[in-house]
């Protein structure tokens, strides 16, 4: 290969003065021939704790085969991963969002420290997906990302199950709606093997986002984790990153304002997770693209909901794959003129060119035609008001309530709210308020799936609302407002809410308010004082000091 295909690695591998480096690398098994080739970093987020990333060693091996076949040398390294599904509802969940920053930072450090010529990232769950994209945007060397794929659905009594069903079974069991035998059967069958959670929850939402951003090859992320085609996609991705190096095709040419707008449209069209708001704001910041929380509402308002996916719909990610894949959603939006078809992708093709080969399965019911959407507008809305001056995020894909007015039931930590649901203290029409769970106050902005799923399992999903300065899982459904900003730990208005205050959700007016006067709100906040930080040292304390508002993506600054 030409010398210019080692624009970064030559400084660390070439010349007499680099003999100590070469000696170290030869001890690890690399040869002179290996070191004469371009060096491609392979960032693997493998971890054996849980199914989401369990199979990534297999896919990384295929990636490296592809890199070698294309004439370059792969160097694999690992980073961290926290499973939201495993840590949900306990203190460990605070580590999840923090891990996104650690993933991006660690990939940056290894890539810069080793002067890689290119980079390919392999991700498998909620925070590894945005974390690797943030690193690619930050480094801006030829590179791409591949998602490890979704888990197969579990099966029980002819019903497809996901982890959502297990969380909701907790509430159903506590309320006596199912017995212990039924409860255990759901637990034991919902997750049959490797792969990330099966609905259009956060992992699959971000996998969709990655394809619409153009940073993953269109048609690659939606392939399920355990099918043979995924290995082929990993091999081809390895070859592709070397081709990107040849063309010097970089993330800055791919992650642009237009591609980010495309990604937002994909979330709206598929009823995706509210976490996409947080992650796309963070990715935009790394890419130097101006983006605000209001952009999500604008794009969602003009994008029909066309994918009938869980948690609000009927189907899982494997069904979408069989129907025609993420590229079928992209084709619908391109053909309707609702996304920027000229946006570039890692293959060197525009997204319009990439969808030309889309194959739709005859008779599929997963992705609707544009003339027959599930909803005329997308699944995300941004509310503001005296409770959320900087905004909050609501997903409306799975329910029709546009107004809710009810008494506040206030909790200063998630565990207390969960206990209240489990012991029957939350009643019809209540508004559950969970605060001091924001980026700073948590710290780490826990997801409230344990609480929301328990509400659904207890039969209260259609009659209770919830708001929090924390987050929601992509598996959450019902009238739930997350990312309320400013957060309570910053003295945001959510800190002033008291038990019994009337809280009003008005989706059409895009308002979230508590029914007290401005004077009363000011008086309450004047008497407010910040609670002591929950962590005094370590990564949690460091994060709490550095993290921004959720309305800015909860990035560290």
Protein backbone atom coordinates (compact mmCIF):
# COMPACT_ATOMS: atom_id res chain seq x y z
CA UNK A 1 0.00 0.00 0.00
CA UNK A 2 1.02 3.58 -0.56
CA UNK A 3 2.86 5.35 2.23
CA UNK A 4 0.06 7.90 2.65
CA UNK A 5 -2.22 5.14 3.95
CA UNK A 6 -0.24 5.34 7.20
CA UNK A 7 -0.86 9.05 7.86
CA UNK A 8 -0.89 8.61 11.64
CA UNK A 9 0.65 5.24 12.51
CA UNK A 10 3.96 5.83 10.74
CA UNK A 11 5.05 8.13 13.54
CA UNK A 12 4.83 5.25 16.01
CA UNK A 13 5.98 2.30 13.84
CA UNK A 14 8.53 3.57 11.31
CA UNK A 15 12.24 4.40 11.56
CA UNK A 16 15.20 3.25 13.69
CA UNK A 17 14.08 5.32 16.69
CA UNK A 18 10.83 3.34 16.85
CA UNK A 19 12.59 0.02 17.45
CA UNK A 20 11.42 -0.15 21.09
CA UNK A 21 7.81 0.25 19.93
CA UNK A 22 8.20 -2.46 17.33
CA UNK A 23 9.81 -4.75 19.89
CA UNK A 24 6.83 -4.34 22.19
CA UNK A 25 4.36 -4.94 19.36
CA UNK A 26 6.28 -8.00 18.15
CA UNK A 27 5.99 -9.43 21.66
CA UNK A 28 2.22 -9.17 21.17
CA UNK A 29 2.45 -11.15 17.92
CA UNK A 30 2.68 -8.43 15.26
CA UNK A 31 5.25 -8.85 12.47
CA UNK A 32 7.25 -6.38 10.39
CA UNK A 33 4.77 -6.99 7.58
CA UNK A 34 1.87 -6.21 9.92
CA UNK A 35 3.48 -2.98 11.05
CA UNK A 36 4.23 -1.87 7.49
CA UNK A 37 0.50 -1.80 6.77
CA UNK A 38 -2.07 0.80 7.90
CA UNK A 39 -3.16 0.23 11.50
CA UNK A 40 -6.91 0.04 12.15
CA UNK A 41 -8.11 0.20 15.74
CA UNK A 42 -10.95 -2.21 16.55
CA UNK A 43 -12.86 -0.83 19.54
CA UNK A 44 -14.79 -3.71 21.06
CA UNK A 45 -17.35 -3.20 23.82
CA UNK A 46 -17.50 -6.92 24.64
CA UNK A 47 -18.46 -7.91 28.15
CA UNK A 48 -19.77 -11.24 29.44
CA UNK A 49 -22.22 -9.61 31.87
CA UNK A 50 -25.57 -9.91 30.09
CA UNK A 51 -26.64 -10.73 26.54
CA UNK A 52 -26.28 -7.37 24.76
CA UNK A 53 -22.51 -7.50 24.19
CA UNK A 54 -21.92 -11.18 24.86
CA UNK A 55 -21.30 -12.16 21.22
CA UNK A 56 -19.08 -9.26 20.20
CA UNK A 57 -15.83 -11.26 20.38
CA UNK A 58 -17.20 -13.40 17.55
CA UNK A 59 -18.04 -10.37 15.44
CA UNK A 60 -14.73 -8.66 16.22
CA UNK A 61 -12.87 -11.70 14.86
CA UNK A 62 -14.82 -11.38 11.61
CA UNK A 63 -14.10 -7.66 11.47
CA UNK A 64 -10.39 -8.30 11.82
CA UNK A 65 -10.53 -10.88 9.03
CA UNK A 66 -12.07 -8.22 6.80
CA UNK A 67 -9.44 -5.65 7.73
CA UNK A 68 -6.61 -8.08 6.95
CA UNK A 69 -8.27 -9.10 3.66
CA UNK A 70 -8.30 -5.42 2.67
CA UNK A 71 -4.56 -5.08 3.35
CA UNK A 72 -4.44 -3.45 6.77
CA UNK A 73 -3.60 -4.57 10.29
CA UNK A 74 -6.24 -4.63 13.04
CA UNK A 75 -5.42 -3.89 16.66
CA UNK A 76 -8.29 -4.78 18.96
CA UNK A 77 -8.93 -3.19 22.33
CA UNK A 78 -11.81 -3.16 24.77
CA UNK A 79 -13.77 -0.68 26.80
CA UNK A 80 -16.49 -0.79 29.43
CA UNK A 81 -20.21 -1.47 29.27
CA UNK A 82 -23.00 -1.22 31.83
CA UNK A 83 -26.22 -3.13 31.16
CA UNK A 84 -29.27 -0.98 31.85
CA UNK A 85 -31.50 -4.05 32.06
CA UNK A 86 -29.35 -5.61 34.77
CA UNK A 87 -28.74 -2.48 36.83
CA UNK A 88 -32.26 -1.03 36.45
CA UNK A 89 -33.88 0.12 39.68
CA UNK A 90 -30.79 -0.01 41.89
CA UNK A 91 -27.90 2.30 42.67
CA UNK A 92 -25.78 0.73 39.94
CA UNK A 93 -28.07 2.19 37.28
CA UNK A 94 -26.46 5.57 37.97
CA UNK A 95 -23.35 4.22 36.28
CA UNK A 96 -25.05 3.65 32.94
CA UNK A 97 -25.15 7.16 31.46
CA UNK A 98 -21.77 7.95 33.02
CA UNK A 99 -20.37 4.99 31.10
CA UNK A 100 -21.24 6.72 27.80
CA UNK A 101 -18.61 9.37 28.57
CA UNK A 102 -16.10 6.78 29.77
CA UNK A 103 -16.58 4.76 26.57
CA UNK A 104 -16.01 7.81 24.36
CA UNK A 105 -13.04 8.94 26.46
CA UNK A 106 -11.37 5.53 26.54
CA UNK A 107 -11.71 4.97 22.79
CA UNK A 108 -10.28 8.44 22.19
CA UNK A 109 -7.36 7.73 24.49
CA UNK A 110 -6.45 4.40 22.91
CA UNK A 111 -6.86 5.74 19.35
CA UNK A 112 -4.78 8.85 20.03
CA UNK A 113 -2.20 6.99 22.10
CA UNK A 114 -1.60 4.43 19.36
CA UNK A 115 -1.92 6.75 16.35
CA UNK A 116 -4.41 4.54 14.53
CA UNK A 117 -4.92 5.32 10.84
CA UNK A 118 -8.56 4.27 11.03
CA UNK A 119 -11.07 3.06 13.59
CA UNK A 120 -13.95 0.61 13.61
CA UNK A 121 -16.23 0.33 16.63
CA UNK A 122 -18.39 -2.59 17.68
CA UNK A 123 -21.23 -1.79 20.06
CA UNK A 124 -24.13 -3.71 21.51
CA UNK A 125 -26.28 -1.81 23.98
CA UNK A 126 -27.75 1.47 25.13
CA UNK A 127 -24.67 3.52 26.01
CA UNK A 128 -22.06 1.74 23.92
CA UNK A 129 -23.93 2.82 20.77
CA UNK A 130 -23.81 6.59 21.36
CA UNK A 131 -20.46 6.29 23.15
CA UNK A 132 -18.68 4.87 20.10
CA UNK A 133 -20.29 7.40 17.76
CA UNK A 134 -19.21 10.25 20.03
CA UNK A 135 -15.64 8.91 19.91
CA UNK A 136 -15.70 8.65 16.11
CA UNK A 137 -16.96 12.23 15.81
CA UNK A 138 -14.38 13.48 18.28
CA UNK A 139 -11.41 11.75 16.64
CA UNK A 140 -12.51 12.40 13.03
CA UNK A 141 -10.31 9.75 11.46
CA UNK A 142 -11.71 7.33 8.84
CA UNK A 143 -14.02 5.08 10.77
CA UNK A 144 -17.42 3.50 11.23
CA UNK A 145 -19.57 1.71 13.79
CA UNK A 146 -21.41 -1.61 13.70
CA UNK A 147 -24.13 -2.62 16.13
CA UNK A 148 -24.02 -6.21 17.36
CA UNK A 149 -27.72 -6.80 16.74
CA UNK A 150 -30.93 -7.55 18.57
CA UNK A 151 -31.77 -10.57 20.68
CA UNK A 152 -34.32 -13.06 19.36
CA UNK A 153 -37.72 -12.77 21.04
CA UNK A 154 -38.63 -15.19 23.78
CA UNK A 155 -41.73 -17.32 23.36
CA UNK A 156 -44.41 -18.20 25.91
CA UNK A 157 -47.92 -19.41 25.07
CA UNK A 158 -47.57 -18.26 21.45
CA UNK A 159 -46.60 -14.75 22.57
CA UNK A 160 -43.31 -13.03 21.72
CA UNK A 161 -41.58 -11.73 24.84
CA UNK A 162 -38.96 -9.07 25.50
CA UNK A 163 -37.35 -7.78 28.69
CA UNK A 164 -40.22 -5.27 28.83
CA UNK A 165 -42.57 -8.15 29.65
CA UNK A 166 -40.39 -9.19 32.60
CA UNK A 167 -40.35 -5.69 34.07
CA UNK A 168 -44.12 -5.43 33.70
CA UNK A 169 -44.55 -8.89 35.21
CA UNK A 170 -42.97 -7.55 38.41
CA UNK A 171 -45.89 -5.15 38.83
CA UNK A 172 -48.43 -7.75 37.76
CA UNK A 173 -47.08 -10.24 40.31
CA UNK A 174 -47.01 -7.66 43.12
CA UNK A 175 -50.64 -6.73 42.41
CA UNK A 176 -51.78 -10.37 42.24
CA UNK A 177 -52.63 -10.28 38.54
CA UNK A 178 -50.35 -13.26 37.84
CA UNK A 179 -49.19 -16.10 40.08
CA UNK A 180 -45.63 -17.17 40.91
CA UNK A 181 -45.57 -19.91 38.29
CA UNK A 182 -46.58 -17.48 35.55
CA UNK A 183 -44.08 -14.95 36.86
CA UNK A 184 -41.19 -17.44 36.71
CA UNK A 185 -42.19 -18.63 33.26
CA UNK A 186 -41.91 -15.09 31.89
CA UNK A 187 -38.56 -14.57 33.61
CA UNK A 188 -37.16 -17.83 32.26
CA UNK A 189 -38.22 -17.44 28.63
CA UNK A 190 -38.02 -13.72 27.81
CA UNK A 191 -34.31 -13.59 26.91
CA UNK A 192 -33.21 -16.65 24.90
CA UNK A 193 -29.60 -15.70 24.08
CA UNK A 194 -27.17 -13.07 22.84
CA UNK A 195 -28.22 -9.69 21.54
CA UNK A 196 -29.65 -6.42 22.79
CA UNK A 197 -33.23 -5.91 24.01
CA UNK A 198 -35.69 -6.76 21.26
CA UNK A 199 -38.14 -3.86 21.00
CA UNK A 200 -37.53 -0.37 19.65
CA UNK A 201 -35.98 0.39 23.00
CA UNK A 202 -32.84 2.47 23.37
CA UNK A 203 -30.35 0.00 21.88
CA UNK A 204 -32.35 -0.61 18.70
CA UNK A 205 -33.36 3.05 18.50
CA UNK A 206 -29.70 4.06 18.51
CA UNK A 207 -28.85 1.29 16.04
CA UNK A 208 -31.46 2.85 13.74
CA UNK A 209 -30.00 6.29 14.41
CA UNK A 210 -26.51 5.07 13.49
CA UNK A 211 -27.70 3.90 10.07
CA UNK A 212 -29.63 7.11 9.41
CA UNK A 213 -26.61 9.16 10.52
CA UNK A 214 -24.64 7.27 7.89
CA UNK A 215 -21.98 6.16 10.36
CA UNK A 216 -23.09 2.49 10.04
CA UNK A 217 -23.64 0.84 6.65
CA UNK A 218 -27.36 0.89 5.85
CA UNK A 219 -28.81 -2.58 6.34
CA UNK A 220 -26.09 -3.82 8.72
CA UNK A 221 -27.30 -2.88 12.20
CA UNK A 222 -30.76 -4.43 11.89
CA UNK A 223 -29.38 -7.92 11.28
CA UNK A 224 -30.10 -9.90 14.48
CA UNK A 225 -27.22 -10.91 16.73
CA UNK A 226 -27.26 -14.66 16.17
CA UNK A 227 -27.91 -15.04 12.43
CA UNK A 228 -25.05 -15.88 10.09
CA UNK A 229 -25.56 -12.75 8.02
CA UNK A 230 -24.27 -10.72 10.97
CA UNK A 231 -20.83 -12.33 10.61
CA UNK A 232 -20.81 -11.37 6.93
CA UNK A 233 -21.75 -7.79 7.86
CA UNK A 234 -18.85 -7.67 10.35
CA UNK A 235 -16.37 -8.95 7.74
CA UNK A 236 -17.61 -6.43 5.18
CA UNK A 237 -17.42 -3.62 7.75
CA UNK A 238 -13.75 -4.51 8.30
CA UNK A 239 -13.07 -4.23 4.59
CA UNK A 240 -15.07 -1.02 4.35
CA UNK A 241 -13.08 0.86 7.00
CA UNK A 242 -9.91 0.28 4.97
CA UNK A 243 -11.67 1.61 1.87
CA UNK A 244 -12.67 4.68 3.89
CA UNK A 245 -9.00 5.17 4.73
CA UNK A 246 -8.10 5.00 1.04
CA UNK A 247 -10.66 7.71 0.29
CA UNK A 248 -9.97 9.64 3.50
CA UNK A 249 -13.70 9.56 4.23
CA UNK A 250 -14.14 10.89 7.75
CA UNK A 251 -16.98 11.21 10.27
CA UNK A 252 -17.04 14.99 9.77
CA UNK A 253 -18.20 14.39 6.20
CA UNK A 254 -20.95 12.06 7.42
CA UNK A 255 -22.23 13.39 10.74
CA UNK A 256 -23.66 16.73 9.65
CA UNK A 257 -26.71 18.82 10.45
CA UNK A 258 -28.57 17.06 7.62
CA UNK A 259 -27.70 13.54 8.75
CA UNK A 260 -28.60 14.36 12.36
CA UNK A 261 -31.99 15.63 11.19
CA UNK A 262 -32.37 12.33 9.32
CA UNK A 263 -31.57 10.47 12.54
CA UNK A 264 -34.18 12.44 14.49
CA UNK A 265 -36.76 11.59 11.81
CA UNK A 266 -35.90 7.90 12.20
CA UNK A 267 -36.66 8.06 15.92
CA UNK A 268 -39.98 9.77 15.25
CA UNK A 269 -40.96 7.34 12.49
CA UNK A 270 -40.20 4.24 14.57
CA UNK A 271 -41.56 5.34 17.97
CA UNK A 272 -38.04 5.23 19.34
CA UNK A 273 -36.64 5.86 22.79
CA UNK A 274 -36.58 9.29 24.41
CA UNK A 275 -32.92 8.60 25.19
CA UNK A 276 -32.18 9.37 21.54
CA UNK A 277 -32.74 13.05 22.39
CA UNK A 278 -30.01 12.97 25.01
CA UNK A 279 -27.60 11.00 22.82
CA UNK A 280 -28.09 12.95 19.59
CA UNK A 281 -27.53 16.22 21.44
CA UNK A 282 -24.25 14.76 22.73
CA UNK A 283 -23.22 13.43 19.30
CA UNK A 284 -24.00 16.81 17.71
CA UNK A 285 -21.80 18.53 20.27
CA UNK A 286 -18.88 16.20 19.49
CA UNK A 287 -19.38 16.80 15.76
CA UNK A 288 -19.58 20.58 16.18
CA UNK A 289 -23.15 20.66 14.86
CA UNK A 290 -25.64 23.13 16.30
CA UNK A 291 -28.68 21.29 17.68
CA UNK A 292 -31.30 22.12 20.31
CA UNK A 293 -33.99 20.17 22.06
CA UNK A 294 -36.62 22.10 20.07
CA UNK A 295 -35.37 20.55 16.82
CA UNK A 296 -36.72 17.19 17.95
CA UNK A 297 -40.24 18.50 18.36
CA UNK A 298 -40.16 20.25 14.98
CA UNK A 299 -38.96 17.19 13.08
CA UNK A 300 -41.22 14.77 14.96
CA UNK A 301 -44.24 16.98 14.19
CA UNK A 302 -43.66 16.56 10.46
CA UNK A 303 -42.70 12.86 10.49
CA UNK A 304 -45.45 10.19 10.58
CA UNK A 305 -45.10 7.19 12.88
CA UNK A 306 -44.94 4.26 10.46
CA UNK A 307 -43.18 1.40 12.31
CA UNK A 308 -45.43 -0.73 14.53
CA UNK A 309 -42.78 -1.64 17.08
CA UNK A 310 -42.75 -2.37 20.80
CA UNK A 311 -43.08 -0.92 23.39
CA UNK A 312 -46.08 0.93 21.94
CA UNK A 313 -46.67 -1.41 19.00
CA UNK A 314 -46.89 -5.10 18.16
CA UNK A 315 -43.56 -6.15 16.68
CA UNK A 316 -39.92 -6.61 17.70
CA UNK A 317 -36.64 -5.86 15.95
CA UNK A 318 -36.41 -9.31 14.37
CA UNK A 319 -39.79 -8.70 12.74
CA UNK A 320 -38.52 -5.43 11.28
CA UNK A 321 -35.49 -7.25 9.88
CA UNK A 322 -37.71 -9.85 8.21
CA UNK A 323 -40.01 -7.14 6.83
CA UNK A 324 -37.21 -5.31 5.02
CA UNK A 325 -35.09 -3.82 7.76
CA UNK A 326 -34.16 -0.34 8.88
CA UNK A 327 -33.50 0.47 5.22
CA UNK A 328 -37.22 -0.03 4.50
CA UNK A 329 -38.02 2.77 6.98
CA UNK A 330 -35.34 4.89 5.32
CA UNK A 331 -36.79 4.22 1.86
CA UNK A 332 -40.26 5.29 3.00
CA UNK A 333 -38.86 8.56 4.35
CA UNK A 334 -36.61 9.21 1.34
CA UNK A 335 -39.47 8.57 -1.10
CA UNK A 336 -41.72 10.93 0.87
CA UNK A 337 -39.08 13.67 0.88
CA UNK A 338 -39.03 13.69 4.68
CA UNK A 339 -35.28 13.18 5.08
CA UNK A 340 -32.24 14.55 3.28
CA UNK A 341 -31.58 11.89 0.64
CA UNK A 342 -28.28 13.48 -0.35
CA UNK A 343 -26.66 12.88 3.06
CA UNK A 344 -23.43 10.87 2.77
CA UNK A 345 -22.89 7.44 4.36
CA UNK A 346 -19.77 5.42 5.20
CA UNK A 347 -20.10 3.42 1.97
CA UNK A 348 -19.57 6.58 -0.09
CA UNK A 349 -23.17 6.39 -1.27
CA UNK A 350 -25.86 8.86 -0.28
CA UNK A 351 -28.73 7.52 1.76
CA UNK A 352 -30.96 7.87 -1.32
CA UNK A 353 -28.57 5.66 -3.31
CA UNK A 354 -28.27 3.21 -0.42
CA UNK A 355 -32.04 2.51 -0.24
CA UNK A 356 -32.38 1.73 -3.96
CA UNK A 357 -31.74 -1.98 -3.32
CA UNK A 358 -34.22 -2.25 -0.42
CA UNK A 359 -36.33 -5.42 -0.55
CA UNK A 360 -39.73 -5.30 1.15
CA UNK A 361 -41.27 -8.61 2.17
CA UNK A 362 -44.69 -9.08 0.60
CA UNK A 363 -47.54 -8.77 3.07
CA UNK A 364 -45.39 -7.42 5.92
CA UNK A 365 -47.26 -5.38 8.56
CA UNK A 366 -44.34 -3.90 10.50
CA UNK A 367 -43.69 -0.77 8.41
CA UNK A 368 -46.78 1.05 7.21
CA UNK A 369 -47.17 2.93 3.96
CA UNK A 370 -46.97 6.71 4.29
CA UNK A 371 -50.64 6.98 3.29
CA UNK A 372 -51.61 4.78 6.25
CA UNK A 373 -49.41 5.72 9.23
CA UNK A 374 -50.02 4.66 12.81
CA UNK A 375 -50.00 8.37 13.65
CA UNK A 376 -49.71 11.41 11.43
CA UNK A 377 -46.90 12.76 13.61
CA UNK A 378 -43.90 11.13 15.23
CA UNK A 379 -43.36 9.64 18.63
CA UNK A 380 -41.51 12.47 20.39
CA UNK A 381 -42.76 15.75 21.80
CA UNK A 382 -40.92 18.41 23.80
CA UNK A 383 -42.88 20.06 26.58
CA UNK A 384 -42.01 23.28 28.37
CA UNK A 385 -43.81 25.21 31.08
CA UNK A 386 -43.30 26.32 34.65
CA UNK A 387 -42.09 22.82 35.60
CA UNK A 388 -39.66 22.49 32.69
CA UNK A 389 -38.39 25.88 31.47
CA UNK A 390 -35.56 24.20 29.53
CA UNK A 391 -37.84 21.42 28.32
CA UNK A 392 -38.62 17.76 28.88
CA UNK A 393 -39.23 14.80 26.58
CA UNK A 394 -42.41 12.74 26.19
CA UNK A 395 -42.92 9.72 23.93
CA UNK A 396 -46.47 9.58 22.56
CA UNK A 397 -46.12 6.57 20.28
CA UNK A 398 -47.98 4.14 22.49
CA UNK A 399 -50.88 6.06 23.97
CA UNK A 400 -53.47 8.66 23.09
CA UNK A 401 -53.83 10.77 26.25
CA UNK A 402 -53.23 14.38 25.31
CA UNK A 403 -54.18 15.94 28.66
CA UNK A 404 -53.69 14.72 32.20
CA UNK A 405 -54.43 16.66 35.37
CA UNK A 406 -53.80 15.13 38.77
CA UNK A 407 -52.26 15.41 42.24
CA UNK A 408 -48.50 15.13 42.63
CA UNK A 409 -47.01 12.23 44.56
CA UNK A 410 -43.45 13.40 45.17
CA UNK A 411 -40.38 11.18 45.70
CA UNK A 412 -36.74 12.20 46.05
CA UNK A 413 -35.37 8.87 44.79
CA UNK A 414 -36.50 6.11 42.48
CA UNK A 415 -36.57 3.35 45.09
CA UNK A 416 -39.16 5.22 47.16
CA UNK A 417 -41.44 5.65 44.15
CA UNK A 418 -41.11 1.97 43.24
CA UNK A 419 -41.99 0.94 46.78
CA UNK A 420 -45.07 3.15 46.68
CA UNK A 421 -46.26 1.48 43.48
CA UNK A 422 -45.59 -2.01 44.81
CA UNK A 423 -47.53 -1.36 48.01
CA UNK A 424 -50.55 0.12 46.25
CA UNK A 425 -50.05 3.72 47.38
CA UNK A 426 -50.29 5.18 43.86
CA UNK A 427 -53.89 5.68 42.74
CA UNK A 428 -55.73 6.42 39.53
CA UNK A 429 -55.08 9.96 38.24
CA UNK A 430 -51.95 10.51 40.36
CA UNK A 431 -48.87 12.20 38.91
CA UNK A 432 -45.73 10.49 40.19
CA UNK A 433 -42.85 12.98 40.53
CA UNK A 434 -39.35 11.49 40.89
CA UNK A 435 -36.62 14.09 41.38
CA UNK A 436 -32.96 14.40 42.35
CA UNK A 437 -32.31 11.70 39.73
CA UNK A 438 -30.94 14.08 37.06
CA UNK A 439 -27.44 14.16 35.55
CA UNK A 440 -25.98 15.99 38.56
CA UNK A 441 -28.44 15.00 41.29
CA UNK A 442 -28.39 11.25 40.73
CA UNK A 443 -25.73 11.53 39.61
CA UNK A 444 -26.08 9.71 36.32
CA UNK A 445 -29.75 10.20 35.42
CA UNK A 446 -31.18 6.75 36.13
CA UNK A 447 -33.91 5.26 33.94
CA UNK A 448 -37.24 4.72 35.64
CA UNK A 449 -38.31 1.52 33.86
CA UNK A 450 -38.74 -0.31 37.14
CA UNK A 451 -41.34 2.24 38.23
CA UNK A 452 -43.07 2.71 34.87
CA UNK A 453 -43.23 -1.03 34.19
CA UNK A 454 -44.59 -1.64 37.71
CA UNK A 455 -47.32 0.94 37.04
CA UNK A 456 -48.26 -0.84 33.80
CA UNK A 457 -48.10 -4.22 35.49
CA UNK A 458 -50.39 -2.95 38.25
CA UNK A 459 -52.95 -1.81 35.68
CA UNK A 460 -52.25 1.90 36.15
CA UNK A 461 -50.40 2.59 32.90
CA UNK A 462 -53.38 4.32 31.27
CA UNK A 463 -54.49 6.34 34.29
CA UNK A 464 -51.31 7.62 35.97
CA UNK A 465 -48.69 10.07 34.68
CA UNK A 466 -45.08 10.41 35.74
CA UNK A 467 -42.42 13.08 35.45
CA UNK A 468 -38.77 13.02 36.42
CA UNK A 469 -35.47 14.81 35.96
CA UNK A 470 -34.08 11.33 35.32
CA UNK A 471 -34.57 9.25 32.18
CA UNK A 472 -36.83 6.55 30.84
CA UNK A 473 -35.96 3.28 29.21
CA UNK A 474 -36.89 2.81 25.59
CA UNK A 475 -39.20 0.09 26.93
CA UNK A 476 -41.22 2.68 28.86
CA UNK A 477 -44.69 3.50 27.60
CA UNK A 478 -47.53 5.58 28.99
CA UNK A 479 -47.71 9.30 29.76
CA UNK A 480 -44.20 9.85 31.07
CA UNK A 481 -42.09 13.04 30.92
CA UNK A 482 -38.34 12.60 31.35
CA UNK A 483 -35.27 14.84 31.24
CA UNK A 484 -37.15 17.61 33.08
CA UNK A 485 -34.76 20.56 33.10
CA UNK A 486 -33.40 22.36 34.98
CA UNK A 487 -33.10 19.40 37.32
CA UNK A 488 -33.90 19.49 41.02
CA UNK A 489 -30.23 19.45 42.07
CA UNK A 490 -29.77 22.74 40.18
CA UNK A 491 -32.80 24.30 41.89
CA UNK A 492 -35.10 23.69 38.94
CA UNK A 493 -38.86 24.12 39.50
CA UNK A 494 -39.32 20.37 39.93
CA UNK A 495 -37.59 20.87 43.31
CA UNK A 496 -40.49 23.09 44.44
CA UNK A 497 -43.32 20.60 43.80
CA UNK A 498 -45.15 19.39 46.90
CA UNK A 499 -47.43 16.42 47.54
CA UNK A 500 -50.95 17.26 46.43
CA UNK A 501 -50.01 20.05 44.00
CA UNK A 502 -51.98 19.77 40.77
CA UNK A 503 -49.76 18.91 37.80
CA UNK A 504 -51.02 19.41 34.25
CA UNK A 505 -49.74 17.65 31.12
CA UNK A 506 -51.02 19.31 27.93
CA UNK A 507 -49.42 17.54 24.96
CA UNK A 508 -51.08 19.60 22.23
CA UNK A 509 -50.06 22.86 23.88
CA UNK A 510 -46.59 21.41 24.62
CA UNK A 511 -46.90 22.36 28.29
CA UNK A 512 -45.96 20.78 31.61
CA UNK A 513 -47.09 22.92 34.55
CA UNK A 514 -47.80 22.80 38.25
CA UNK A 515 -50.88 24.79 39.20
CA UNK A 516 -49.31 27.36 41.50
CA UNK A 517 -48.66 31.05 40.97
CA UNK A 518 -45.32 32.45 39.85
CA UNK A 519 -45.07 34.17 43.23
CA UNK A 520 -45.59 30.89 45.08
CA UNK A 521 -43.02 29.14 42.89
CA UNK A 522 -40.46 31.90 43.57
CA UNK A 523 -41.12 31.77 47.30
CA UNK A 524 -40.65 28.02 47.44
CA UNK A 525 -37.42 28.15 45.46
CA UNK A 526 -36.05 30.95 47.65
CA UNK A 527 -36.38 28.61 50.62
CA UNK A 528 -34.80 25.70 48.75
CA UNK A 529 -31.26 24.56 49.44
CA UNK A 530 -29.27 22.00 47.52
CA UNK A 531 -28.91 18.61 49.21
CA UNK A 532 -25.38 17.34 49.85
CA UNK A 533 -23.87 15.40 46.94
CA UNK A 534 -24.53 11.68 47.12
CA UNK A 535 -20.91 10.87 46.21
CA UNK A 536 -17.92 12.73 47.63
CA UNK A 537 -15.17 11.15 45.51
CA UNK A 538 -14.46 8.93 42.54
CA UNK A 539 -15.96 8.88 39.07
CA UNK A 540 -19.49 9.63 40.29
CA UNK A 541 -18.41 12.82 42.07
CA UNK A 542 -16.27 13.87 39.12
CA UNK A 543 -19.20 13.39 36.73
CA UNK A 544 -21.60 15.35 38.96
CA UNK A 545 -19.21 18.32 38.94
CA UNK A 546 -18.70 18.31 35.16
CA UNK A 547 -22.04 17.27 33.67
CA UNK A 548 -24.30 19.66 31.75
CA UNK A 549 -28.09 19.90 31.71
CA UNK A 550 -30.10 17.14 30.05
CA UNK A 551 -31.32 19.81 27.63
CA UNK A 552 -27.72 19.99 26.36
CA UNK A 553 -27.21 16.22 26.17
CA UNK A 554 -25.83 15.64 29.70
CA UNK A 555 -22.29 15.91 28.36
CA UNK A 556 -19.25 16.51 30.52
CA UNK A 557 -17.53 19.83 30.02
